[in-house]
């Protein structure tokens, strides 16, 4: 016996993942079944799930720092004044 699962995904996600599955000889249904079997085998999500990706503000600050565009302060008072603005 089999069941049907209906899932909404963005068109781009569906297309790009389908292309990858096709390259490895699978269709979407087979790939999802492989994922679900791995969930059962590992008794959880079979890969790390985290929010370690920097947000847009942090990414911008990283890029600025890499370009040497960092704020510079000559005293702690000056830094605190800037932080409180």
C-alpha atoms as a PDB file:
ATOM      1  CA  UNK A   1       0.000   0.000   0.000  1.00  0.00           C
ATOM      2  CA  UNK A   2       1.218   3.544  -0.670  1.00  0.00           C
ATOM      3  CA  UNK A   3       0.134   7.018   0.382  1.00  0.00           C
ATOM      4  CA  UNK A   4       0.211  10.379  -1.327  1.00  0.00           C
ATOM      5  CA  UNK A   5       1.938  13.427   0.136  1.00  0.00           C
ATOM      6  CA  UNK A   6       1.239  16.852  -1.347  1.00  0.00           C
ATOM      7  CA  UNK A   7       3.918  19.481  -0.750  1.00  0.00           C
ATOM      8  CA  UNK A   8       4.188  23.046  -2.008  1.00  0.00           C
ATOM      9  CA  UNK A   9       7.648  24.228  -3.054  1.00  0.00           C
ATOM     10  CA  UNK A  10       8.934  27.145  -5.064  1.00  0.00           C
ATOM     11  CA  UNK A  11       9.090  26.482  -8.805  1.00  0.00           C
ATOM     12  CA  UNK A  12      12.845  27.142  -8.867  1.00  0.00           C
ATOM     13  CA  UNK A  13      13.484  24.702  -6.008  1.00  0.00           C
ATOM     14  CA  UNK A  14      11.457  22.000  -7.748  1.00  0.00           C
ATOM     15  CA  UNK A  15      13.221  22.522 -11.097  1.00  0.00           C
ATOM     16  CA  UNK A  16      16.748  22.657  -9.688  1.00  0.00           C
ATOM     17  CA  UNK A  17      16.268  19.658  -7.401  1.00  0.00           C
ATOM     18  CA  UNK A  18      14.569  17.658 -10.178  1.00  0.00           C
ATOM     19  CA  UNK A  19      17.534  18.344 -12.464  1.00  0.00           C
ATOM     20  CA  UNK A  20      19.947  17.063  -9.805  1.00  0.00           C
ATOM     21  CA  UNK A  21      17.838  13.974  -9.106  1.00  0.00           C
ATOM     22  CA  UNK A  22      17.713  13.246 -12.845  1.00  0.00           C
ATOM     23  CA  UNK A  23      21.526  13.427 -13.007  1.00  0.00           C
ATOM     24  CA  UNK A  24      21.762  10.678 -10.386  1.00  0.00           C
ATOM     25  CA  UNK A  25      19.024   8.559 -11.975  1.00  0.00           C
ATOM     26  CA  UNK A  26      16.098   9.404  -9.689  1.00  0.00           C
ATOM     27  CA  UNK A  27      12.792  11.119 -10.034  1.00  0.00           C
ATOM     28  CA  UNK A  28      11.320  13.400  -7.355  1.00  0.00           C
ATOM     29  CA  UNK A  29       9.220  10.620  -5.804  1.00  0.00           C
ATOM     30  CA  UNK A  30      12.198   8.280  -5.452  1.00  0.00           C
ATOM     31  CA  UNK A  31      14.363  11.032  -3.950  1.00  0.00           C
ATOM     32  CA  UNK A  32      11.696  11.925  -1.389  1.00  0.00           C
ATOM     33  CA  UNK A  33      11.301   8.234  -0.493  1.00  0.00           C
ATOM     34  CA  UNK A  34      15.067   7.963   0.005  1.00  0.00           C
ATOM     35  CA  UNK A  35      14.927  11.016   2.284  1.00  0.00           C
ATOM     36  CA  UNK A  36      12.024   9.605   4.322  1.00  0.00           C
ATOM     37  CA  UNK A  37      13.771   6.229   4.719  1.00  0.00           C
ATOM     38  CA  UNK A  38      16.888   8.030   5.966  1.00  0.00           C
ATOM     39  CA  UNK A  39      14.726   9.942   8.474  1.00  0.00           C
ATOM     40  CA  UNK A  40      13.479   6.600   9.793  1.00  0.00           C
ATOM     41  CA  UNK A  41      16.951   5.035   9.822  1.00  0.00           C
ATOM     42  CA  UNK A  42      18.524   7.970  11.701  1.00  0.00           C
ATOM     43  CA  UNK A  43      15.432   8.602  13.843  1.00  0.00           C
ATOM     44  CA  UNK A  44      15.609  12.282  12.880  1.00  0.00           C
ATOM     45  CA  UNK A  45      16.593  14.649  10.101  1.00  0.00           C
ATOM     46  CA  UNK A  46      19.532  12.925   8.362  1.00  0.00           C
ATOM     47  CA  UNK A  47      21.631  16.085   8.132  1.00  0.00           C
ATOM     48  CA  UNK A  48      22.407  19.043  10.394  1.00  0.00           C
ATOM     49  CA  UNK A  49      19.718  21.721  10.514  1.00  0.00           C
ATOM     50  CA  UNK A  50      20.989  25.044  11.772  1.00  0.00           C
ATOM     51  CA  UNK A  51      20.721  28.786  11.372  1.00  0.00           C
ATOM     52  CA  UNK A  52      24.471  29.341  11.199  1.00  0.00           C
ATOM     53  CA  UNK A  53      24.203  31.286   7.937  1.00  0.00           C
ATOM     54  CA  UNK A  54      24.832  34.987   8.558  1.00  0.00           C
ATOM     55  CA  UNK A  55      21.914  37.321   7.882  1.00  0.00           C
ATOM     56  CA  UNK A  56      22.091  40.164   5.327  1.00  0.00           C
ATOM     57  CA  UNK A  57      23.293  42.755   7.873  1.00  0.00           C
ATOM     58  CA  UNK A  58      26.096  40.508   9.080  1.00  0.00           C
ATOM     59  CA  UNK A  59      27.122  39.623   5.522  1.00  0.00           C
ATOM     60  CA  UNK A  60      27.329  43.325   4.661  1.00  0.00           C
ATOM     61  CA  UNK A  61      29.486  43.969   7.746  1.00  0.00           C
ATOM     62  CA  UNK A  62      31.779  41.063   6.776  1.00  0.00           C
ATOM     63  CA  UNK A  63      32.168  42.433   3.237  1.00  0.00           C
ATOM     64  CA  UNK A  64      32.905  45.926   4.575  1.00  0.00           C
ATOM     65  CA  UNK A  65      35.515  44.528   6.966  1.00  0.00           C
ATOM     66  CA  UNK A  66      37.165  42.566   4.148  1.00  0.00           C
ATOM     67  CA  UNK A  67      37.395  45.791   2.152  1.00  0.00           C
ATOM     68  CA  UNK A  68      38.856  47.659   5.128  1.00  0.00           C
ATOM     69  CA  UNK A  69      35.693  49.738   5.563  1.00  0.00           C
ATOM     70  CA  UNK A  70      35.536  49.403   9.328  1.00  0.00           C
ATOM     71  CA  UNK A  71      34.580  52.011  11.858  1.00  0.00           C
ATOM     72  CA  UNK A  72      37.504  53.322  13.862  1.00  0.00           C
ATOM     73  CA  UNK A  73      37.367  54.912  17.298  1.00  0.00           C
ATOM     74  CA  UNK A  74      40.060  56.623  19.318  1.00  0.00           C
ATOM     75  CA  UNK A  75      38.405  55.997  22.682  1.00  0.00           C
ATOM     76  CA  UNK A  76      35.796  53.874  24.394  1.00  0.00           C
ATOM     77  CA  UNK A  77      33.694  56.989  24.920  1.00  0.00           C
ATOM     78  CA  UNK A  78      33.709  57.623  21.163  1.00  0.00           C
ATOM     79  CA  UNK A  79      32.693  54.011  20.518  1.00  0.00           C
ATOM     80  CA  UNK A  80      29.902  54.162  23.096  1.00  0.00           C
ATOM     81  CA  UNK A  81      28.621  57.411  21.619  1.00  0.00           C
ATOM     82  CA  UNK A  82      28.471  55.790  18.170  1.00  0.00           C
ATOM     83  CA  UNK A  83      26.701  52.701  19.543  1.00  0.00           C
ATOM     84  CA  UNK A  84      24.088  54.841  21.317  1.00  0.00           C
ATOM     85  CA  UNK A  85      23.234  56.921  18.230  1.00  0.00           C
END
